[in-house]
PDB file of N, CA and C in Angstrom:
ATOM      1  N   MET A   1     -20.316  -8.620  22.082  1.00  0.00           N
ATOM      2  CA  MET A   1     -21.228  -8.043  20.937  1.00  0.00           C
ATOM      3  C   MET A   1     -21.039  -9.035  19.823  1.00  0.00           C
ATOM      4  N   MET A   2     -22.241  -9.474  19.341  1.00  0.00           N
ATOM      5  CA  MET A   2     -22.161 -10.400  18.142  1.00  0.00           C
ATOM      6  C   MET A   2     -21.913  -9.614  16.885  1.00  0.00           C
ATOM      7  N   MET A   3     -21.284 -10.202  15.879  1.00  0.00           N
ATOM      8  CA  MET A   3     -21.108  -9.654  14.622  1.00  0.00           C
ATOM      9  C   MET A   3     -22.124 -10.088  13.652  1.00  0.00           C
ATOM     10  N   ASN A   4     -22.713  -9.336  12.848  1.00  0.00           N
ATOM     11  CA  ASN A   4     -23.367  -9.948  11.806  1.00  0.00           C
ATOM     12  C   ASN A   4     -22.621 -10.544  10.616  1.00  0.00           C
ATOM     13  N   SER A   5     -23.282 -11.068   9.634  1.00  0.00           N
ATOM     14  CA  SER A   5     -22.450 -11.679   8.621  1.00  0.00           C
ATOM     15  C   SER A   5     -21.549 -10.735   7.806  1.00  0.00           C
ATOM     16  N   ARG A   6     -22.159  -9.570   7.559  1.00  0.00           N
ATOM     17  CA  ARG A   6     -21.190  -8.524   6.843  1.00  0.00           C
ATOM     18  C   ARG A   6     -20.046  -8.224   7.682  1.00  0.00           C
ATOM     19  N   GLN A   7     -20.294  -8.019   8.930  1.00  0.00           N
ATOM     20  CA  GLN A   7     -19.050  -7.677   9.804  1.00  0.00           C
ATOM     21  C   GLN A   7     -18.050  -8.761   9.748  1.00  0.00           C
ATOM     22  N   ARG A   8     -18.470 -10.006   9.901  1.00  0.00           N
ATOM     23  CA  ARG A   8     -17.508 -11.161   9.819  1.00  0.00           C
ATOM     24  C   ARG A   8     -16.814 -11.254   8.691  1.00  0.00           C
ATOM     25  N   LEU A   9     -17.593 -10.954   7.486  1.00  0.00           N
ATOM     26  CA  LEU A   9     -16.907 -11.044   6.143  1.00  0.00           C
ATOM     27  C   LEU A   9     -15.814  -9.976   6.061  1.00  0.00           C
ATOM     28  N   LEU A  10     -16.236  -8.648   6.487  1.00  0.00           N
ATOM     29  CA  LEU A  10     -15.083  -7.699   6.456  1.00  0.00           C
ATOM     30  C   LEU A  10     -13.890  -8.137   7.394  1.00  0.00           C
ATOM     31  N   ALA A  11     -14.164  -8.461   8.531  1.00  0.00           N
ATOM     32  CA  ALA A  11     -13.097  -8.960   9.453  1.00  0.00           C
ATOM     33  C   ALA A  11     -12.149  -9.977   8.801  1.00  0.00           C
ATOM     34  N   THR A  12     -12.781 -11.063   8.141  1.00  0.00           N
ATOM     35  CA  THR A  12     -12.048 -12.004   7.453  1.00  0.00           C
ATOM     36  C   THR A  12     -11.273 -11.447   6.371  1.00  0.00           C
ATOM     37  N   GLY A  13     -11.928 -10.647   5.680  1.00  0.00           N
ATOM     38  CA  GLY A  13     -11.241  -9.866   4.419  1.00  0.00           C
ATOM     39  C   GLY A  13      -9.968  -9.108   4.911  1.00  0.00           C
ATOM     40  N   TRP A  14     -10.125  -8.375   5.766  1.00  0.00           N
ATOM     41  CA  TRP A  14      -8.999  -7.566   6.426  1.00  0.00           C
ATOM     42  C   TRP A  14      -7.960  -8.554   6.798  1.00  0.00           C
ATOM     43  N   ARG A  15      -8.244  -9.591   7.492  1.00  0.00           N
ATOM     44  CA  ARG A  15      -7.187 -10.548   7.867  1.00  0.00           C
ATOM     45  C   ARG A  15      -6.464 -11.236   6.871  1.00  0.00           C
ATOM     46  N   TYR A  16      -7.266 -11.433   5.791  1.00  0.00           N
ATOM     47  CA  TYR A  16      -6.612 -11.930   4.658  1.00  0.00           C
ATOM     48  C   TYR A  16      -5.600 -11.130   3.957  1.00  0.00           C
ATOM     49  N   LEU A  17      -6.281  -9.833   3.760  1.00  0.00           N
ATOM     50  CA  LEU A  17      -5.429  -8.842   3.062  1.00  0.00           C
ATOM     51  C   LEU A  17      -4.196  -8.626   3.811  1.00  0.00           C
ATOM     52  N   TYR A  18      -4.240  -8.394   5.178  1.00  0.00           N
ATOM     53  CA  TYR A  18      -3.000  -8.072   6.003  1.00  0.00           C
ATOM     54  C   TYR A  18      -2.033  -9.207   6.045  1.00  0.00           C
ATOM     55  N   THR A  19      -2.493 -10.566   5.835  1.00  0.00           N
ATOM     56  CA  THR A  19      -1.476 -11.641   5.816  1.00  0.00           C
ATOM     57  C   THR A  19      -0.789 -11.585   4.449  1.00  0.00           C
ATOM     58  N   VAL A  20      -1.540 -11.316   3.464  1.00  0.00           N
ATOM     59  CA  VAL A  20      -0.767 -11.212   2.047  1.00  0.00           C
ATOM     60  C   VAL A  20       0.116  -9.889   2.041  1.00  0.00           C
ATOM     61  N   ARG A  21      -0.403  -8.822   2.536  1.00  0.00           N
ATOM     62  CA  ARG A  21       0.389  -7.657   2.535  1.00  0.00           C
ATOM     63  C   ARG A  21       1.607  -7.749   3.285  1.00  0.00           C
ATOM     64  N   ALA A  22       1.432  -8.413   4.586  1.00  0.00           N
ATOM     65  CA  ALA A  22       2.732  -8.523   5.319  1.00  0.00           C
ATOM     66  C   ALA A  22       3.745  -9.424   4.633  1.00  0.00           C
ATOM     67  N   SER A  23       3.261 -10.250   3.881  1.00  0.00           N
ATOM     68  CA  SER A  23       4.409 -11.151   3.041  1.00  0.00           C
ATOM     69  C   SER A  23       4.908 -10.336   1.987  1.00  0.00           C
ATOM     70  N   LEU A  24       4.181  -9.620   1.325  1.00  0.00           N
ATOM     71  CA  LEU A  24       4.742  -8.777   0.231  1.00  0.00           C
ATOM     72  C   LEU A  24       5.570  -7.673   0.790  1.00  0.00           C
ATOM     73  N   ASP A  25       5.101  -7.067   1.903  1.00  0.00           N
ATOM     74  CA  ASP A  25       6.060  -6.043   2.577  1.00  0.00           C
ATOM     75  C   ASP A  25       7.315  -6.677   2.948  1.00  0.00           C
ATOM     76  N   PHE A  26       7.432  -7.894   3.403  1.00  0.00           N
ATOM     77  CA  PHE A  26       8.779  -8.542   3.769  1.00  0.00           C
ATOM     78  C   PHE A  26       9.540  -8.640   2.444  1.00  0.00           C
ATOM     79  N   LEU A  27       8.976  -9.172   1.361  1.00  0.00           N
ATOM     80  CA  LEU A  27       9.760  -9.446   0.144  1.00  0.00           C
ATOM     81  C   LEU A  27      10.158  -8.095  -0.394  1.00  0.00           C
ATOM     82  N   THR A  28       9.388  -7.116  -0.254  1.00  0.00           N
ATOM     83  CA  THR A  28       9.663  -5.777  -0.908  1.00  0.00           C
ATOM     84  C   THR A  28      11.003  -5.207  -0.059  1.00  0.00           C
ATOM     85  N   ALA A  29      10.914  -5.382   1.123  1.00  0.00           N
ATOM     86  CA  ALA A  29      11.956  -4.753   2.009  1.00  0.00           C
ATOM     87  C   ALA A  29      13.233  -5.522   1.595  1.00  0.00           C
ATOM     88  N   LYS A  30      13.128  -6.824   1.512  1.00  0.00           N
ATOM     89  CA  LYS A  30      14.418  -7.610   1.050  1.00  0.00           C
ATOM     90  C   LYS A  30      15.003  -7.161  -0.232  1.00  0.00           C
ATOM     91  N   LEU A  31      14.157  -6.867  -1.197  1.00  0.00           N
ATOM     92  CA  LEU A  31      14.597  -6.447  -2.408  1.00  0.00           C
ATOM     93  C   LEU A  31      15.082  -5.069  -2.477  1.00  0.00           C
ATOM     94  N   LEU A  32      14.490  -4.103  -1.657  1.00  0.00           N
ATOM     95  CA  LEU A  32      14.870  -2.761  -1.640  1.00  0.00           C
ATOM     96  C   LEU A  32      16.158  -2.520  -0.846  1.00  0.00           C
ATOM     97  N   THR A  33      16.249  -3.295   0.275  1.00  0.00           N
ATOM     98  CA  THR A  33      17.420  -2.783   1.206  1.00  0.00           C
ATOM     99  C   THR A  33      18.790  -2.691   0.573  1.00  0.00           C
ATOM    100  N   PRO A  34      19.213  -3.557  -0.283  1.00  0.00           N
ATOM    101  CA  PRO A  34      20.572  -3.364  -0.985  1.00  0.00           C
ATOM    102  C   PRO A  34      20.633  -2.339  -1.960  1.00  0.00           C
ATOM    103  N   ARG A  35      19.461  -1.695  -2.549  1.00  0.00           N
ATOM    104  CA  ARG A  35      19.519  -0.764  -3.557  1.00  0.00           C
ATOM    105  C   ARG A  35      19.128   0.593  -3.022  1.00  0.00           C
ATOM    106  N   ILE A  36      18.581   0.894  -1.996  1.00  0.00           N
ATOM    107  CA  ILE A  36      17.964   2.124  -1.605  1.00  0.00           C
ATOM    108  C   ILE A  36      18.983   3.246  -1.293  1.00  0.00           C
ATOM    109  N   SER A  37      18.773   4.462  -1.710  1.00  0.00           N
ATOM    110  CA  SER A  37      19.681   5.593  -1.707  1.00  0.00           C
ATOM    111  C   SER A  37      19.397   6.241  -0.460  1.00  0.00           C
ATOM    112  N   ASP A  38      20.273   7.134   0.037  1.00  0.00           N
ATOM    113  CA  ASP A  38      19.836   8.082   1.237  1.00  0.00           C
ATOM    114  C   ASP A  38      18.800   9.023   0.836  1.00  0.00           C
ATOM    115  N   GLU A  39      18.689   9.550  -0.568  1.00  0.00           N
ATOM    116  CA  GLU A  39      17.661  10.343  -0.899  1.00  0.00           C
ATOM    117  C   GLU A  39      16.271   9.741  -0.838  1.00  0.00           C
ATOM    118  N   GLN A  40      16.229   8.329  -1.200  1.00  0.00           N
ATOM    119  CA  GLN A  40      14.935   7.699  -1.113  1.00  0.00           C
ATOM    120  C   GLN A  40      14.680   7.361   0.450  1.00  0.00           C
ATOM    121  N   ILE A  41      15.557   7.136   1.078  1.00  0.00           N
ATOM    122  CA  ILE A  41      15.316   7.063   2.685  1.00  0.00           C
ATOM    123  C   ILE A  41      14.582   8.306   3.171  1.00  0.00           C
ATOM    124  N   GLN A  42      15.174   9.414   2.729  1.00  0.00           N
ATOM    125  CA  GLN A  42      14.777  10.742   3.293  1.00  0.00           C
ATOM    126  C   GLN A  42      13.349  10.966   2.718  1.00  0.00           C
ATOM    127  N   ALA A  43      12.967  10.526   1.455  1.00  0.00           N
ATOM    128  CA  ALA A  43      11.580  10.651   0.925  1.00  0.00           C
ATOM    129  C   ALA A  43      10.675   9.917   1.795  1.00  0.00           C
ATOM    130  N   LEU A  44      11.095   8.774   2.164  1.00  0.00           N
ATOM    131  CA  LEU A  44      10.195   7.794   3.091  1.00  0.00           C
ATOM    132  C   LEU A  44      10.014   8.396   4.402  1.00  0.00           C
ATOM    133  N   ILE A  45      11.125   8.972   4.997  1.00  0.00           N
ATOM    134  CA  ILE A  45      10.997   9.596   6.276  1.00  0.00           C
ATOM    135  C   ILE A  45      10.171  10.841   6.302  1.00  0.00           C
ATOM    136  N   GLU A  46      10.171  11.595   5.256  1.00  0.00           N
ATOM    137  CA  GLU A  46       9.145  12.727   5.100  1.00  0.00           C
ATOM    138  C   GLU A  46       7.788  12.321   5.027  1.00  0.00           C
ATOM    139  N   ILE A  47       7.549  11.245   4.282  1.00  0.00           N
ATOM    140  CA  ILE A  47       6.084  10.818   3.973  1.00  0.00           C
ATOM    141  C   ILE A  47       5.629  10.348   5.474  1.00  0.00           C
ATOM    142  N   LYS A  48       6.459   9.527   6.161  1.00  0.00           N
ATOM    143  CA  LYS A  48       6.095   9.075   7.520  1.00  0.00           C
ATOM    144  C   LYS A  48       5.880  10.045   8.575  1.00  0.00           C
ATOM    145  N   GLU A  49       6.582  11.154   8.555  1.00  0.00           N
ATOM    146  CA  GLU A  49       6.532  12.333   9.396  1.00  0.00           C
ATOM    147  C   GLU A  49       5.265  13.074   9.191  1.00  0.00           C
ATOM    148  N   LYS A  50       4.907  13.255   7.858  1.00  0.00           N
ATOM    149  CA  LYS A  50       3.614  13.909   7.539  1.00  0.00           C
ATOM    150  C   LYS A  50       2.373  13.019   7.990  1.00  0.00           C
ATOM    151  N   MET A  51       2.513  11.574   8.009  1.00  0.00           N
ATOM    152  CA  MET A  51       1.561  10.713   8.248  1.00  0.00           C
ATOM    153  C   MET A  51       1.351  10.809   9.856  1.00  0.00           C
ATOM    154  N   ILE A  52       2.376  10.939  10.543  1.00  0.00           N
ATOM    155  CA  ILE A  52       2.291  11.013  12.036  1.00  0.00           C
ATOM    156  C   ILE A  52       1.515  12.303  12.408  1.00  0.00           C
ATOM    157  N   VAL A  53       1.823  13.419  11.668  1.00  0.00           N
ATOM    158  CA  VAL A  53       1.206  14.700  11.941  1.00  0.00           C
ATOM    159  C   VAL A  53      -0.226  14.646  11.715  1.00  0.00           C
ATOM    160  N   MET A  54      -0.609  13.967  10.471  1.00  0.00           N
ATOM    161  CA  MET A  54      -2.183  13.941  10.236  1.00  0.00           C
ATOM    162  C   MET A  54      -2.843  12.904  11.240  1.00  0.00           C
ATOM    163  N   ALA A  55      -2.126  11.819  11.683  1.00  0.00           N
ATOM    164  CA  ALA A  55      -2.795  10.899  12.680  1.00  0.00           C
ATOM    165  C   ALA A  55      -2.880  11.610  14.039  1.00  0.00           C
ATOM    166  N   LEU A  56      -1.911  12.433  14.483  1.00  0.00           N
ATOM    167  CA  LEU A  56      -2.085  13.226  15.681  1.00  0.00           C
ATOM    168  C   LEU A  56      -3.260  14.273  15.637  1.00  0.00           C
ATOM    169  N   ALA A  57      -3.268  14.858  14.399  1.00  0.00           N
ATOM    170  CA  ALA A  57      -4.324  15.743  14.191  1.00  0.00           C
ATOM    171  C   ALA A  57      -5.805  15.095  14.034  1.00  0.00           C
ATOM    172  N   GLN A  58      -5.750  13.872  13.928  1.00  0.00           N
ATOM    173  CA  GLN A  58      -6.972  13.024  13.804  1.00  0.00           C
ATOM    174  C   GLN A  58      -7.636  13.223  12.407  1.00  0.00           C
ATOM    175  N   GLU A  59      -6.766  13.335  11.455  1.00  0.00           N
ATOM    176  CA  GLU A  59      -7.075  13.467   9.989  1.00  0.00           C
ATOM    177  C   GLU A  59      -6.657  12.049   9.433  1.00  0.00           C
ATOM    178  N   PHE A  60      -7.499  11.120   9.740  1.00  0.00           N
ATOM    179  CA  PHE A  60      -7.291   9.713   9.528  1.00  0.00           C
ATOM    180  C   PHE A  60      -7.258   9.353   8.001  1.00  0.00           C
ATOM    181  N   ILE A  61      -8.109  10.065   7.377  1.00  0.00           N
ATOM    182  CA  ILE A  61      -8.163   9.795   5.785  1.00  0.00           C
ATOM    183  C   ILE A  61      -6.816  10.216   5.120  1.00  0.00           C
ATOM    184  N   ALA A  62      -6.307  11.374   5.554  1.00  0.00           N
ATOM    185  CA  ALA A  62      -5.128  11.925   5.064  1.00  0.00           C
ATOM    186  C   ALA A  62      -3.877  11.022   5.421  1.00  0.00           C
ATOM    187  N   ALA A  63      -4.091  10.515   6.803  1.00  0.00           N
ATOM    188  CA  ALA A  63      -2.980   9.674   7.190  1.00  0.00           C
ATOM    189  C   ALA A  63      -2.965   8.280   6.504  1.00  0.00           C
ATOM    190  N   ALA A  64      -4.219   7.817   6.126  1.00  0.00           N
ATOM    191  CA  ALA A  64      -4.368   6.537   5.347  1.00  0.00           C
ATOM    192  C   ALA A  64      -3.709   6.721   3.955  1.00  0.00           C
ATOM    193  N   GLN A  65      -3.995   7.828   3.414  1.00  0.00           N
ATOM    194  CA  GLN A  65      -3.538   8.117   2.049  1.00  0.00           C
ATOM    195  C   GLN A  65      -1.944   8.297   2.125  1.00  0.00           C
ATOM    196  N   LEU A  66      -1.463   8.747   3.073  1.00  0.00           N
ATOM    197  CA  LEU A  66      -0.035   8.892   3.237  1.00  0.00           C
ATOM    198  C   LEU A  66       0.653   7.522   3.448  1.00  0.00           C
ATOM    199  N   ASP A  67      -0.004   6.657   4.218  1.00  0.00           N
ATOM    200  CA  ASP A  67       0.363   5.291   4.376  1.00  0.00           C
ATOM    201  C   ASP A  67       0.397   4.649   3.108  1.00  0.00           C
ATOM    202  N   TRP A  68      -0.646   4.715   2.261  1.00  0.00           N
ATOM    203  CA  TRP A  68      -0.745   4.200   1.033  1.00  0.00           C
ATOM    204  C   TRP A  68       0.460   4.573   0.159  1.00  0.00           C
ATOM    205  N   GLN A  69       0.699   5.995   0.184  1.00  0.00           N
ATOM    206  CA  GLN A  69       1.740   6.527  -0.663  1.00  0.00           C
ATOM    207  C   GLN A  69       3.244   6.000  -0.210  1.00  0.00           C
ATOM    208  N   PHE A  70       3.315   5.867   1.158  1.00  0.00           N
ATOM    209  CA  PHE A  70       4.473   5.267   1.670  1.00  0.00           C
ATOM    210  C   PHE A  70       4.946   3.881   1.135  1.00  0.00           C
ATOM    211  N   HIS A  71       3.826   3.083   1.376  1.00  0.00           N
ATOM    212  CA  HIS A  71       3.979   1.625   0.964  1.00  0.00           C
ATOM    213  C   HIS A  71       4.278   1.555  -0.531  1.00  0.00           C
ATOM    214  N   MET A  72       3.520   2.272  -1.348  1.00  0.00           N
ATOM    215  CA  MET A  72       3.662   2.208  -2.692  1.00  0.00           C
ATOM    216  C   MET A  72       5.038   2.589  -3.215  1.00  0.00           C
ATOM    217  N   LEU A  73       5.456   3.651  -2.603  1.00  0.00           N
ATOM    218  CA  LEU A  73       6.824   4.174  -2.986  1.00  0.00           C
ATOM    219  C   LEU A  73       7.966   3.053  -2.590  1.00  0.00           C
ATOM    220  N   ILE A  74       7.691   2.391  -1.554  1.00  0.00           N
ATOM    221  CA  ILE A  74       8.689   1.388  -1.071  1.00  0.00           C
ATOM    222  C   ILE A  74       8.634   0.219  -2.107  1.00  0.00           C
ATOM    223  N   VAL A  75       7.303  -0.123  -2.516  1.00  0.00           N
ATOM    224  CA  VAL A  75       7.167  -1.139  -3.632  1.00  0.00           C
ATOM    225  C   VAL A  75       7.788  -0.706  -4.955  1.00  0.00           C
ATOM    226  N   ASP A  76       7.600   0.550  -5.339  1.00  0.00           N
ATOM    227  CA  ASP A  76       8.185   1.136  -6.582  1.00  0.00           C
ATOM    228  C   ASP A  76       9.580   1.049  -6.470  1.00  0.00           C
ATOM    229  N   LEU A  77      10.172   1.352  -5.453  1.00  0.00           N
ATOM    230  CA  LEU A  77      11.567   1.620  -5.315  1.00  0.00           C
ATOM    231  C   LEU A  77      12.255   0.124  -5.439  1.00  0.00           C
ATOM    232  N   ALA A  78      11.661  -0.951  -4.944  1.00  0.00           N
ATOM    233  CA  ALA A  78      12.114  -2.176  -4.870  1.00  0.00           C
ATOM    234  C   ALA A  78      12.417  -2.681  -6.432  1.00  0.00           C
ATOM    235  N   GLY A  79      11.821  -1.974  -7.390  1.00  0.00           N
ATOM    236  CA  GLY A  79      12.128  -2.135  -8.835  1.00  0.00           C
ATOM    237  C   GLY A  79      11.686  -3.423  -9.416  1.00  0.00           C
ATOM    238  N   ASN A  80      10.759  -4.097  -8.771  1.00  0.00           N
ATOM    239  CA  ASN A  80      10.213  -5.401  -9.277  1.00  0.00           C
ATOM    240  C   ASN A  80       8.657  -4.981  -9.761  1.00  0.00           C
ATOM    241  N   LYS A  81       8.482  -5.066 -11.213  1.00  0.00           N
ATOM    242  CA  LYS A  81       7.164  -4.559 -11.731  1.00  0.00           C
ATOM    243  C   LYS A  81       6.117  -5.654 -11.350  1.00  0.00           C
ATOM    244  N   LEU A  82       6.410  -6.908 -11.437  1.00  0.00           N
ATOM    245  CA  LEU A  82       5.411  -7.923 -11.103  1.00  0.00           C
ATOM    246  C   LEU A  82       4.981  -7.897  -9.618  1.00  0.00           C
ATOM    247  N   LEU A  83       6.010  -7.546  -8.625  1.00  0.00           N
ATOM    248  CA  LEU A  83       5.681  -7.508  -7.393  1.00  0.00           C
ATOM    249  C   LEU A  83       4.766  -6.243  -7.016  1.00  0.00           C
ATOM    250  N   TRP A  84       5.056  -5.136  -7.711  1.00  0.00           N
ATOM    251  CA  TRP A  84       4.404  -4.005  -7.759  1.00  0.00           C
ATOM    252  C   TRP A  84       2.913  -4.176  -8.137  1.00  0.00           C
ATOM    253  N   CYS A  85       2.740  -4.887  -9.190  1.00  0.00           N
ATOM    254  CA  CYS A  85       1.278  -5.118  -9.743  1.00  0.00           C
ATOM    255  C   CYS A  85       0.539  -6.075  -8.697  1.00  0.00           C
ATOM    256  N   ILE A  86       1.281  -7.189  -8.204  1.00  0.00           N
ATOM    257  CA  ILE A  86       0.681  -7.989  -7.263  1.00  0.00           C
ATOM    258  C   ILE A  86       0.213  -7.222  -6.061  1.00  0.00           C
ATOM    259  N   TYR A  87       1.079  -6.383  -5.618  1.00  0.00           N
ATOM    260  CA  TYR A  87       0.763  -5.577  -4.427  1.00  0.00           C
ATOM    261  C   TYR A  87      -0.401  -4.711  -4.596  1.00  0.00           C
ATOM    262  N   VAL A  88      -0.412  -4.022  -5.667  1.00  0.00           N
ATOM    263  CA  VAL A  88      -1.561  -3.088  -5.959  1.00  0.00           C
ATOM    264  C   VAL A  88      -2.945  -3.887  -6.096  1.00  0.00           C
ATOM    265  N   ILE A  89      -2.815  -5.042  -6.787  1.00  0.00           N
ATOM    266  CA  ILE A  89      -3.931  -5.886  -6.962  1.00  0.00           C
ATOM    267  C   ILE A  89      -4.485  -6.308  -5.727  1.00  0.00           C
ATOM    268  N   ALA A  90      -3.625  -6.781  -4.748  1.00  0.00           N
ATOM    269  CA  ALA A  90      -3.977  -7.372  -3.512  1.00  0.00           C
ATOM    270  C   ALA A  90      -4.580  -6.258  -2.684  1.00  0.00           C
ATOM    271  N   CYS A  91      -4.088  -5.076  -2.819  1.00  0.00           N
ATOM    272  CA  CYS A  91      -4.761  -3.953  -1.939  1.00  0.00           C
ATOM    273  C   CYS A  91      -5.976  -3.419  -2.535  1.00  0.00           C
ATOM    274  N   SER A  92      -6.065  -3.701  -3.920  1.00  0.00           N
ATOM    275  CA  SER A  92      -7.343  -3.077  -4.536  1.00  0.00           C
ATOM    276  C   SER A  92      -8.530  -4.118  -4.157  1.00  0.00           C
ATOM    277  N   CYS A  93      -8.357  -5.241  -3.576  1.00  0.00           N
ATOM    278  CA  CYS A  93      -9.335  -6.076  -2.986  1.00  0.00           C
ATOM    279  C   CYS A  93     -10.018  -5.427  -1.781  1.00  0.00           C
ATOM    280  N   ARG A  94      -9.234  -4.486  -1.188  1.00  0.00           N
ATOM    281  CA  ARG A  94      -9.959  -3.779  -0.148  1.00  0.00           C
ATOM    282  C   ARG A  94     -10.907  -2.618  -0.642  1.00  0.00           C
ATOM    283  N   GLY A  95     -11.147  -2.553  -1.864  1.00  0.00           N
ATOM    284  CA  GLY A  95     -11.962  -1.391  -2.361  1.00  0.00           C
ATOM    285  C   GLY A  95     -13.218  -1.347  -1.583  1.00  0.00           C
ATOM    286  N   THR A  96     -13.783  -2.431  -1.417  1.00  0.00           N
ATOM    287  CA  THR A  96     -15.079  -2.616  -0.635  1.00  0.00           C
ATOM    288  C   THR A  96     -14.917  -2.484   0.757  1.00  0.00           C
ATOM    289  N   MET A  97     -13.559  -2.486   1.215  1.00  0.00           N
ATOM    290  CA  MET A  97     -13.385  -2.298   2.657  1.00  0.00           C
ATOM    291  C   MET A  97     -12.745  -0.982   3.090  1.00  0.00           C
ATOM    292  N   GLY A  98     -12.997   0.107   2.177  1.00  0.00           N
ATOM    293  CA  GLY A  98     -12.676   1.449   2.536  1.00  0.00           C
ATOM    294  C   GLY A  98     -12.092   2.358   1.488  1.00  0.00           C
ATOM    295  N   ARG A  99     -11.429   1.728   0.612  1.00  0.00           N
ATOM    296  CA  ARG A  99     -10.707   2.528  -0.313  1.00  0.00           C
ATOM    297  C   ARG A  99     -11.177   2.373  -1.759  1.00  0.00           C
ATOM    298  N   SER A 100     -11.503   3.362  -2.484  1.00  0.00           N
ATOM    299  CA  SER A 100     -12.010   3.258  -3.875  1.00  0.00           C
ATOM    300  C   SER A 100     -10.909   3.143  -4.715  1.00  0.00           C
ATOM    301  N   TYR A 101     -11.317   2.741  -5.983  1.00  0.00           N
ATOM    302  CA  TYR A 101     -10.298   2.683  -7.186  1.00  0.00           C
ATOM    303  C   TYR A 101      -9.642   3.985  -7.394  1.00  0.00           C
ATOM    304  N   GLU A 102     -10.566   5.037  -7.415  1.00  0.00           N
ATOM    305  CA  GLU A 102      -9.986   6.442  -7.729  1.00  0.00           C
ATOM    306  C   GLU A 102      -9.101   6.868  -6.598  1.00  0.00           C
ATOM    307  N   GLU A 103      -9.352   6.592  -5.338  1.00  0.00           N
ATOM    308  CA  GLU A 103      -8.435   7.030  -4.200  1.00  0.00           C
ATOM    309  C   GLU A 103      -7.114   6.298  -4.354  1.00  0.00           C
ATOM    310  N   MET A 104      -7.101   5.070  -4.676  1.00  0.00           N
ATOM    311  CA  MET A 104      -5.899   4.230  -4.865  1.00  0.00           C
ATOM    312  C   MET A 104      -5.122   4.849  -6.007  1.00  0.00           C
ATOM    313  N   LYS A 105      -5.763   4.974  -7.115  1.00  0.00           N
ATOM    314  CA  LYS A 105      -5.107   5.712  -8.335  1.00  0.00           C
ATOM    315  C   LYS A 105      -4.359   7.004  -8.070  1.00  0.00           C
ATOM    316  N   ALA A 106      -5.102   7.809  -7.247  1.00  0.00           N
ATOM    317  CA  ALA A 106      -4.592   9.130  -6.914  1.00  0.00           C
ATOM    318  C   ALA A 106      -3.393   9.098  -6.155  1.00  0.00           C
ATOM    319  N   HIS A 107      -3.217   8.011  -5.392  1.00  0.00           N
ATOM    320  CA  HIS A 107      -2.024   7.947  -4.365  1.00  0.00           C
ATOM    321  C   HIS A 107      -1.075   6.916  -4.776  1.00  0.00           C
ATOM    322  N   THR A 108      -0.989   6.487  -6.065  1.00  0.00           N
ATOM    323  CA  THR A 108      -0.009   5.431  -6.452  1.00  0.00           C
ATOM    324  C   THR A 108       1.007   6.417  -7.276  1.00  0.00           C
ATOM    325  N   PRO A 109       2.319   6.258  -6.772  1.00  0.00           N
ATOM    326  CA  PRO A 109       3.315   6.975  -7.390  1.00  0.00           C
ATOM    327  C   PRO A 109       3.454   7.104  -8.905  1.00  0.00           C
ATOM    328  N   HIS A 110       3.327   5.868  -9.648  1.00  0.00           N
ATOM    329  CA  HIS A 110       3.587   5.810 -11.069  1.00  0.00           C
ATOM    330  C   HIS A 110       2.321   5.282 -11.819  1.00  0.00           C
ATOM    331  N   GLY A 111       1.201   5.817 -11.484  1.00  0.00           N
ATOM    332  CA  GLY A 111       0.071   5.471 -12.077  1.00  0.00           C
ATOM    333  C   GLY A 111      -0.570   4.197 -11.528  1.00  0.00           C
ATOM    334  N   PHE A 112      -1.510   3.585 -12.201  1.00  0.00           N
ATOM    335  CA  PHE A 112      -2.160   2.459 -11.592  1.00  0.00           C
ATOM    336  C   PHE A 112      -2.051   1.255 -12.629  1.00  0.00           C
ATOM    337  N   PRO A 113      -2.288   0.019 -12.237  1.00  0.00           N
ATOM    338  CA  PRO A 113      -1.900  -1.076 -13.093  1.00  0.00           C
ATOM    339  C   PRO A 113      -3.076  -1.188 -14.204  1.00  0.00           C
ATOM    340  N   GLY A 114      -2.779  -1.554 -15.195  1.00  0.00           N
ATOM    341  CA  GLY A 114      -3.548  -1.869 -16.383  1.00  0.00           C
ATOM    342  C   GLY A 114      -2.617  -2.364 -17.449  1.00  0.00           C
ATOM    343  N   GLN A 115      -2.232  -1.492 -18.296  1.00  0.00           N
ATOM    344  CA  GLN A 115      -1.248  -1.814 -19.422  1.00  0.00           C
ATOM    345  C   GLN A 115       0.175  -2.005 -18.653  1.00  0.00           C
ATOM    346  N   GLN A 116       0.540  -1.131 -17.668  1.00  0.00           N
ATOM    347  CA  GLN A 116       1.825  -1.441 -17.037  1.00  0.00           C
ATOM    348  C   GLN A 116       1.854  -2.776 -16.360  1.00  0.00           C
ATOM    349  N   CYS A 117       0.858  -3.341 -16.022  1.00  0.00           N
ATOM    350  CA  CYS A 117       1.169  -4.634 -15.269  1.00  0.00           C
ATOM    351  C   CYS A 117       1.171  -5.870 -16.181  1.00  0.00           C
ATOM    352  N   GLN A 118       1.387  -5.561 -17.509  1.00  0.00           N
ATOM    353  CA  GLN A 118       1.676  -6.663 -18.354  1.00  0.00           C
ATOM    354  C   GLN A 118       3.349  -6.865 -18.388  1.00  0.00           C
ATOM    355  N   VAL A 119       3.713  -7.847 -17.602  1.00  0.00           N
ATOM    356  CA  VAL A 119       5.064  -8.039 -17.421  1.00  0.00           C
ATOM    357  C   VAL A 119       5.619  -8.882 -18.618  1.00  0.00           C
ATOM    358  N   SER A 120       6.613  -8.283 -19.344  1.00  0.00           N
ATOM    359  CA  SER A 120       7.163  -8.907 -20.601  1.00  0.00           C
ATOM    360  C   SER A 120       8.329  -9.769 -19.976  1.00  0.00           C
ATOM    361  N   PRO A 121       8.704 -10.827 -20.866  1.00  0.00           N
ATOM    362  CA  PRO A 121       9.769 -11.544 -20.409  1.00  0.00           C
ATOM    363  C   PRO A 121      11.184 -10.826 -20.699  1.00  0.00           C
TER     364      PRO A 121
END
């Protein structure tokens, strides 16, 4: 099946997004590993378990929202404000690929970048 130009653009956009996101996820995990508490691990497990339940129930939007919450909690817990902003900005590029600004804002643990993305020395 041939893809039209819009489909090719979307496929390329997703590939770029996930390449960047994979790199950010690696860095985030590296920063978080030495500082994560048992309670924080439990919170991540609970989100992941809810995500599995939603996916099995074919509630894919709810599962995707939980996935976003899971990743944003990891980024938040890593404690690097600039990394958090870069992650949110990179993922906001997918607004035209399935997630609106309002959906992202609603599922971001500590708000959404704007003033809080101004990183001071």
